[in-house]
Amino acid sequence: MFYTCILQGFSKPRQRYKDHADEFTNRLRCWMLICAAGWLPFVAWTQSANADSASPASSAETASRVVEDGGTGPYKALMASDKSLATHTVFRPMDLSTLGDTIKLPIVVWGNGACANSPWEHVNFLSEVASHGFLVIAIGSMPSEGQRGAPGGPTKSPMLLDAIQWAMARNNDKFSQYYQKLDTNKIAVAGMSCGGLQALEVALDPRISTAMICNSGLFSDPASSRFELPRVGKEQLAKLHTPTIYILGGEKDIAFKNGMDDFKRINHVPVFAANLNVGHGGTYSQPHGGDFATVATAWLQWQLKNDQEAARMFTGDPCGLAKAEGWKVEKKNIP
């Protein structure tokens, strides 16, 4: 049809048309087809360019790997480095598309033991938490396979707030893979040892929903410490505004006395103390983070997702964790 029109428009037929109006109409139609054909590639290119510029970027991640088998939760997790937050390590569900439009990931920010500049000691633990449907952001660069230690520390407490700010910005950025996939009203601040002190230092931030303090507790005289630790005194405890849990390693834990003293001083918010006699190192490096990860995940499921099944570990008399082998618990302002 297209080439027939061209021939009709440019050949010089010997016969005369009786109806010149029809001849003019046919030629006009042919010219319109020719012009349209010439513009089609440009229109197609323009539409393609516009589509490309409007499509969300799939990821800003520069490296990633799966820790162990990705965790035991319903969302297999991975650990990643993101160029827009190169100072931190992200643990997240591997396939964010499975969340759909209704499931939102609460946010957990984590400070490392020794205020280290990498979560190398805690990757099993943090990956396990993420596999249960959380976005976990740890201070420090992503550790390599088998890494021990990290240069560049000690880190500073405001890096936890940097992580929160980054997550909130990504949730509002339509070009981010996290766009509208995060629950920015449900945020936990957490950390181990020195990282627990970092968590307590920033726990007053009104955006925070719960605090999780692991193998840690405030010093009565923080200035007396010979280590470069957050200088936060016991007066900070009266300012806490969220439910708080201490997960400690029992009397063998060098932070046991400080942590339990914190617990005794907190009377105005729900607070839970859980002790397993494993010492200061906890169970973080055990498969899937060990027993500490089980307790931490349940607390976060309850506090950030209102999971009533998970709450049973902490509610009741005795609570579920009190019945678990090896655990000793105390609680206040929790039914």
Protein backbone atom coordinates (compact mmCIF):
# COMPACT_ATOMS: atom_id res chain seq x y z
CA MET A 1 0.00 0.00 0.00
CA PHE A 2 2.82 2.37 0.90
CA TYR A 3 4.74 1.85 -2.34
CA THR A 4 1.57 1.98 -4.42
CA CYS A 5 0.94 5.46 -3.04
CA ILE A 6 4.47 6.55 -3.97
CA LEU A 7 3.97 5.38 -7.54
CA GLN A 8 0.65 7.12 -7.73
CA GLY A 9 2.21 10.31 -6.43
CA PHE A 10 5.35 10.42 -8.65
CA SER A 11 4.56 8.47 -11.89
CA LYS A 12 3.17 10.30 -14.90
CA PRO A 13 0.15 8.27 -15.94
CA ARG A 14 -0.99 8.89 -19.53
CA GLN A 15 -4.65 8.52 -18.72
CA ARG A 16 -6.50 11.54 -17.51
CA TYR A 17 -8.58 11.37 -14.45
CA LYS A 18 -12.09 12.54 -15.01
CA ASP A 19 -12.39 13.58 -11.44
CA HIS A 20 -9.47 15.90 -10.65
CA ALA A 21 -10.67 16.22 -7.08
CA ASP A 22 -10.11 12.48 -6.49
CA GLU A 23 -6.62 12.70 -8.01
CA PHE A 24 -5.70 15.57 -5.70
CA THR A 25 -7.05 13.68 -2.67
CA ASN A 26 -5.03 10.55 -3.51
CA ARG A 27 -1.81 12.53 -3.95
CA LEU A 28 -2.36 14.36 -0.68
CA ARG A 29 -2.81 11.07 1.14
CA CYS A 30 0.41 9.72 -0.37
CA TRP A 31 2.41 12.77 0.71
CA MET A 32 1.03 12.40 4.22
CA LEU A 33 2.16 8.75 4.37
CA ILE A 34 5.62 9.65 3.09
CA CYS A 35 6.04 12.41 5.69
CA ALA A 36 4.74 10.18 8.45
CA ALA A 37 7.19 7.43 7.49
CA GLY A 38 10.06 9.88 7.65
CA TRP A 39 9.11 11.01 11.17
CA LEU A 40 8.47 7.53 12.62
CA PRO A 41 12.10 6.74 13.56
CA PHE A 42 12.45 10.11 15.27
CA VAL A 43 9.20 9.66 17.20
CA ALA A 44 10.21 6.15 18.24
CA TRP A 45 13.66 7.38 19.39
CA THR A 46 12.09 10.24 21.35
CA GLN A 47 9.66 7.94 23.12
CA SER A 48 12.46 5.52 23.94
CA ALA A 49 14.68 8.32 25.31
CA ASN A 50 11.87 9.66 27.45
CA ALA A 51 11.13 6.19 28.81
CA ASP A 52 14.79 5.65 29.67
CA SER A 53 15.09 8.96 31.48
CA ALA A 54 11.92 8.28 33.51
CA SER A 55 12.77 4.70 34.53
CA PRO A 56 13.97 4.26 38.11
CA ALA A 57 17.60 3.21 38.50
CA SER A 58 17.65 -0.43 39.54
CA SER A 59 20.52 0.01 41.99
CA ALA A 60 23.40 2.22 43.07
CA GLU A 61 25.24 -0.76 44.56
CA THR A 62 28.87 -1.25 43.65
CA ALA A 63 29.36 -4.66 45.27
CA SER A 64 27.28 -7.30 46.99
CA ARG A 65 27.43 -10.85 48.25
CA VAL A 66 25.27 -13.32 50.10
CA VAL A 67 26.27 -14.11 53.68
CA GLU A 68 25.91 -17.81 54.51
CA ASP A 69 22.69 -18.86 52.74
CA GLY A 70 20.95 -15.48 52.98
CA GLY A 71 19.31 -16.14 56.36
CA THR A 72 16.41 -18.22 57.63
CA GLY A 73 13.71 -15.58 57.17
CA PRO A 74 11.15 -15.39 54.34
CA TYR A 75 13.31 -12.92 52.37
CA LYS A 76 16.76 -14.19 51.47
CA ALA A 77 19.17 -11.35 52.21
CA LEU A 78 22.36 -9.98 50.75
CA MET A 79 25.06 -7.59 51.95
CA ALA A 80 25.87 -4.62 49.71
CA SER A 81 27.94 -1.49 49.32
CA ASP A 82 26.04 1.47 47.89
CA LYS A 83 27.96 4.32 46.25
CA SER A 84 25.49 6.86 47.64
CA LEU A 85 26.42 5.71 51.19
CA ALA A 86 29.93 4.34 50.79
CA THR A 87 30.66 4.85 54.51
CA HIS A 88 28.16 2.13 55.48
CA THR A 89 27.13 -1.43 54.64
CA VAL A 90 23.58 -2.37 53.70
CA PHE A 91 21.85 -5.67 54.47
CA ARG A 92 18.56 -6.09 52.64
CA PRO A 93 16.18 -8.65 51.14
CA MET A 94 17.72 -9.88 47.91
CA ASP A 95 14.65 -9.40 45.71
CA LEU A 96 12.87 -6.18 46.61
CA SER A 97 10.19 -6.81 43.99
CA THR A 98 8.71 -9.53 46.19
CA LEU A 99 7.62 -6.87 48.67
CA GLY A 100 4.90 -5.65 46.34
CA ASP A 101 3.13 -2.38 47.10
CA THR A 102 1.98 -3.16 50.64
CA ILE A 103 4.99 -4.63 52.49
CA LYS A 104 7.36 -1.95 53.80
CA LEU A 105 10.76 -2.61 55.37
CA PRO A 106 11.40 -1.09 58.81
CA ILE A 107 14.88 0.38 59.22
CA VAL A 108 17.58 -0.83 61.63
CA VAL A 109 20.83 1.13 62.01
CA TRP A 110 23.77 -0.61 63.65
CA GLY A 111 26.99 0.43 65.41
CA ASN A 112 29.81 -2.12 65.55
CA GLY A 113 31.84 -3.49 68.41
CA ALA A 114 34.90 -1.31 69.15
CA CYS A 115 33.11 1.39 67.09
CA ALA A 116 34.83 -0.35 64.17
CA ASN A 117 34.66 0.94 60.63
CA SER A 118 33.20 -2.31 59.30
CA PRO A 119 30.57 -4.80 60.49
CA TRP A 120 32.94 -7.70 59.82
CA GLU A 121 32.18 -9.34 63.21
CA HIS A 122 28.42 -9.17 62.81
CA VAL A 123 27.63 -10.12 59.22
CA ASN A 124 25.88 -13.42 60.09
CA PHE A 125 23.75 -11.67 62.70
CA LEU A 126 22.82 -8.68 60.53
CA SER A 127 22.08 -10.78 57.45
CA GLU A 128 19.75 -12.95 59.52
CA VAL A 129 17.84 -9.91 60.79
CA ALA A 130 17.50 -8.53 57.24
CA SER A 131 16.11 -11.85 55.99
CA HIS A 132 13.05 -11.30 58.18
CA GLY A 133 12.08 -8.18 56.27
CA PHE A 134 14.25 -5.31 57.51
CA LEU A 135 16.62 -2.85 55.91
CA VAL A 136 19.74 -2.98 58.09
CA ILE A 137 22.41 -0.32 57.69
CA ALA A 138 25.68 -0.81 59.57
CA ILE A 139 28.43 1.72 60.06
CA GLY A 140 31.55 1.05 58.02
CA SER A 141 32.53 -0.31 54.64
CA MET A 142 31.45 -3.73 53.44
CA PRO A 143 33.88 -6.41 54.65
CA SER A 144 35.51 -8.79 52.23
CA GLU A 145 35.19 -12.55 52.60
CA GLY A 146 37.13 -13.64 55.69
CA GLN A 147 38.06 -10.10 56.72
CA ARG A 148 39.12 -9.54 60.31
CA GLY A 149 39.54 -6.03 61.67
CA ALA A 150 38.92 -2.74 59.92
CA PRO A 151 41.02 0.39 59.38
CA GLY A 152 39.68 3.87 59.89
CA GLY A 153 38.07 3.56 63.30
CA PRO A 154 36.83 4.39 65.78
CA THR A 155 33.72 5.74 64.12
CA LYS A 156 31.38 8.39 65.49
CA SER A 157 27.77 8.13 66.68
CA PRO A 158 26.29 10.60 64.14
CA MET A 159 26.99 8.02 61.43
CA LEU A 160 23.91 6.21 62.73
CA LEU A 161 21.84 9.30 62.00
CA ASP A 162 23.48 9.55 58.57
CA ALA A 163 22.14 6.07 57.86
CA ILE A 164 18.61 7.07 58.88
CA GLN A 165 18.76 10.21 56.74
CA TRP A 166 20.00 8.21 53.75
CA ALA A 167 17.23 5.63 54.06
CA MET A 168 14.55 8.29 54.30
CA ALA A 169 15.92 10.07 51.23
CA ARG A 170 16.06 6.85 49.21
CA ASN A 171 12.48 6.06 50.16
CA ASN A 172 11.37 9.39 48.65
CA ASP A 173 13.55 9.17 45.53
CA LYS A 174 11.59 7.73 42.60
CA PHE A 175 14.86 6.74 40.92
CA SER A 176 15.91 4.59 43.90
CA GLN A 177 15.31 0.86 44.22
CA TYR A 178 13.98 1.61 47.71
CA TYR A 179 11.32 4.05 46.50
CA GLN A 180 8.24 3.70 48.72
CA LYS A 181 9.51 0.33 50.02
CA LEU A 182 10.64 1.48 53.49
CA ASP A 183 8.65 2.16 56.63
CA THR A 184 10.31 5.38 57.73
CA ASN A 185 8.04 5.58 60.78
CA LYS A 186 9.56 2.41 62.21
CA ILE A 187 13.26 2.79 62.96
CA ALA A 188 15.49 0.93 65.42
CA VAL A 189 18.89 2.11 66.61
CA ALA A 190 21.16 -0.70 67.77
CA GLY A 191 24.75 -1.65 68.38
CA MET A 192 27.20 -3.93 70.13
CA SER A 193 29.69 -2.88 72.85
CA CYS A 194 31.06 0.53 71.76
CA GLY A 195 28.38 0.49 69.05
CA GLY A 196 25.79 0.10 71.80
CA LEU A 197 27.09 3.31 73.36
CA GLN A 198 26.74 4.97 69.96
CA ALA A 199 23.14 3.77 69.83
CA LEU A 200 22.41 5.18 73.29
CA GLU A 201 23.99 8.51 72.34
CA VAL A 202 21.59 9.04 69.40
CA ALA A 203 18.57 7.21 70.86
CA LEU A 204 16.89 10.48 71.81
CA ASP A 205 16.23 11.26 68.14
CA PRO A 206 12.40 11.51 67.78
CA ARG A 207 12.44 9.39 64.61
CA ILE A 208 13.57 6.33 66.55
CA SER A 209 10.98 3.73 67.61
CA THR A 210 13.11 1.38 69.71
CA ALA A 211 16.67 0.93 70.98
CA MET A 212 18.55 -2.40 71.09
CA ILE A 213 21.71 -2.40 73.18
CA CYS A 214 23.90 -5.49 72.88
CA ASN A 215 26.84 -6.35 75.19
CA SER A 216 26.95 -2.75 76.32
CA GLY A 217 25.99 -0.21 78.96
CA LEU A 218 26.85 3.32 79.93
CA PHE A 219 29.80 4.10 82.21
CA SER A 220 29.13 5.89 85.47
CA ASP A 221 32.09 8.12 84.67
CA PRO A 222 32.56 8.06 80.89
CA ALA A 223 35.48 10.49 81.04
CA SER A 224 37.51 7.96 83.01
CA SER A 225 37.63 5.43 80.19
CA ARG A 226 41.04 5.01 78.56
CA PHE A 227 39.36 4.11 75.27
CA GLU A 228 37.95 6.52 72.70
CA LEU A 229 34.28 5.88 73.47
CA PRO A 230 31.15 8.02 73.20
CA ARG A 231 31.16 10.29 76.24
CA VAL A 232 27.59 9.67 77.39
CA GLY A 233 26.66 9.62 81.06
CA LYS A 234 23.97 7.77 82.95
CA GLU A 235 21.74 10.86 82.84
CA GLN A 236 21.03 9.95 79.20
CA LEU A 237 18.88 7.03 80.36
CA ALA A 238 16.15 9.26 81.82
CA LYS A 239 15.74 10.87 78.40
CA LEU A 240 15.03 7.66 76.49
CA HIS A 241 11.61 7.77 74.85
CA THR A 242 11.26 4.29 73.34
CA PRO A 243 11.03 0.65 74.43
CA THR A 244 14.58 -0.59 74.97
CA ILE A 245 16.18 -4.02 75.17
CA TYR A 246 19.57 -5.02 76.56
CA ILE A 247 20.95 -8.30 75.18
CA LEU A 248 23.96 -9.25 77.31
CA GLY A 249 26.43 -12.11 77.63
CA GLY A 250 25.85 -12.84 81.31
CA GLU A 251 28.29 -12.27 84.14
CA LYS A 252 31.23 -13.21 81.90
CA ASP A 253 30.44 -10.20 79.74
CA ILE A 254 32.63 -7.20 80.62
CA ALA A 255 29.61 -4.98 79.88
CA PHE A 256 27.31 -6.97 82.19
CA LYS A 257 27.52 -4.62 85.18
CA ASN A 258 27.11 -1.46 83.13
CA GLY A 259 24.22 -2.93 81.14
CA MET A 260 22.33 -4.21 84.17
CA ASP A 261 22.92 -0.92 85.99
CA ASP A 262 21.32 0.84 82.99
CA PHE A 263 18.36 -1.51 83.23
CA LYS A 264 17.88 -0.75 86.93
CA ARG A 265 17.91 2.99 86.29
CA ILE A 266 15.30 2.94 83.50
CA ASN A 267 11.79 3.13 84.94
CA HIS A 268 9.76 5.31 82.57
CA VAL A 269 9.73 3.25 79.34
CA PRO A 270 9.35 -0.47 78.64
CA VAL A 271 12.73 -2.12 79.14
CA PHE A 272 13.87 -5.73 78.87
CA ALA A 273 17.17 -7.33 79.90
CA ALA A 274 18.14 -10.70 78.45
CA ASN A 275 21.28 -12.54 79.53
CA LEU A 276 22.87 -15.61 77.98
CA ASN A 277 26.12 -16.65 79.65
CA VAL A 278 28.35 -16.54 76.55
CA GLY A 279 30.55 -13.57 77.41
CA HIS A 280 31.21 -10.31 75.62
CA GLY A 281 31.54 -11.84 72.15
CA GLY A 282 27.89 -12.90 72.05
CA THR A 283 26.80 -15.34 69.35
CA TYR A 284 27.11 -13.03 66.33
CA SER A 285 29.56 -15.20 64.40
CA GLN A 286 27.58 -18.40 64.89
CA PRO A 287 25.45 -19.67 61.99
CA HIS A 288 22.69 -17.13 61.35
CA GLY A 289 23.90 -15.08 64.32
CA GLY A 290 23.03 -17.71 66.92
CA ASP A 291 20.67 -17.14 69.84
CA PHE A 292 21.33 -13.40 69.95
CA ALA A 293 19.90 -13.04 66.44
CA THR A 294 16.79 -15.01 67.42
CA VAL A 295 16.07 -12.66 70.33
CA ALA A 296 16.99 -9.51 68.42
CA THR A 297 14.80 -10.44 65.45
CA ALA A 298 11.82 -11.20 67.69
CA TRP A 299 12.19 -7.86 69.48
CA LEU A 300 12.34 -5.99 66.17
CA GLN A 301 9.39 -7.94 64.78
CA TRP A 302 7.35 -6.93 67.81
CA GLN A 303 8.45 -3.31 68.10
CA LEU A 304 8.61 -2.40 64.41
CA LYS A 305 5.98 -4.70 62.89
CA ASN A 306 3.60 -5.24 65.82
CA ASP A 307 4.05 -8.99 65.45
CA GLN A 308 2.12 -10.43 68.39
CA GLU A 309 3.55 -13.91 67.94
CA ALA A 310 7.06 -12.46 68.30
CA ALA A 311 5.85 -10.45 71.31
CA ARG A 312 5.22 -13.65 73.25
CA MET A 313 8.98 -14.01 73.69
CA PHE A 314 8.85 -10.91 75.94
CA THR A 315 5.31 -10.72 77.33
CA GLY A 316 3.61 -12.87 79.93
CA ASP A 317 4.73 -14.19 83.28
CA PRO A 318 6.89 -16.04 82.65
CA CYS A 319 7.63 -14.71 79.17
CA GLY A 320 8.66 -17.02 76.36
CA LEU A 321 12.37 -16.26 76.61
CA ALA A 322 12.40 -17.06 80.33
CA LYS A 323 11.50 -20.63 79.39
CA ALA A 324 14.36 -20.94 76.87
CA GLU A 325 17.45 -22.85 77.94
CA GLY A 326 20.24 -20.70 79.35
CA TRP A 327 18.46 -17.35 79.27
CA LYS A 328 17.86 -15.14 82.32
CA VAL A 329 15.48 -12.22 81.91
CA GLU A 330 14.18 -9.17 83.74
CA LYS A 331 11.66 -6.65 82.53
CA LYS A 332 9.77 -3.47 83.48
CA ASN A 333 6.63 -1.86 82.06
CA ILE A 334 6.05 -4.89 79.82
CA PRO A 335 2.92 -7.01 80.49
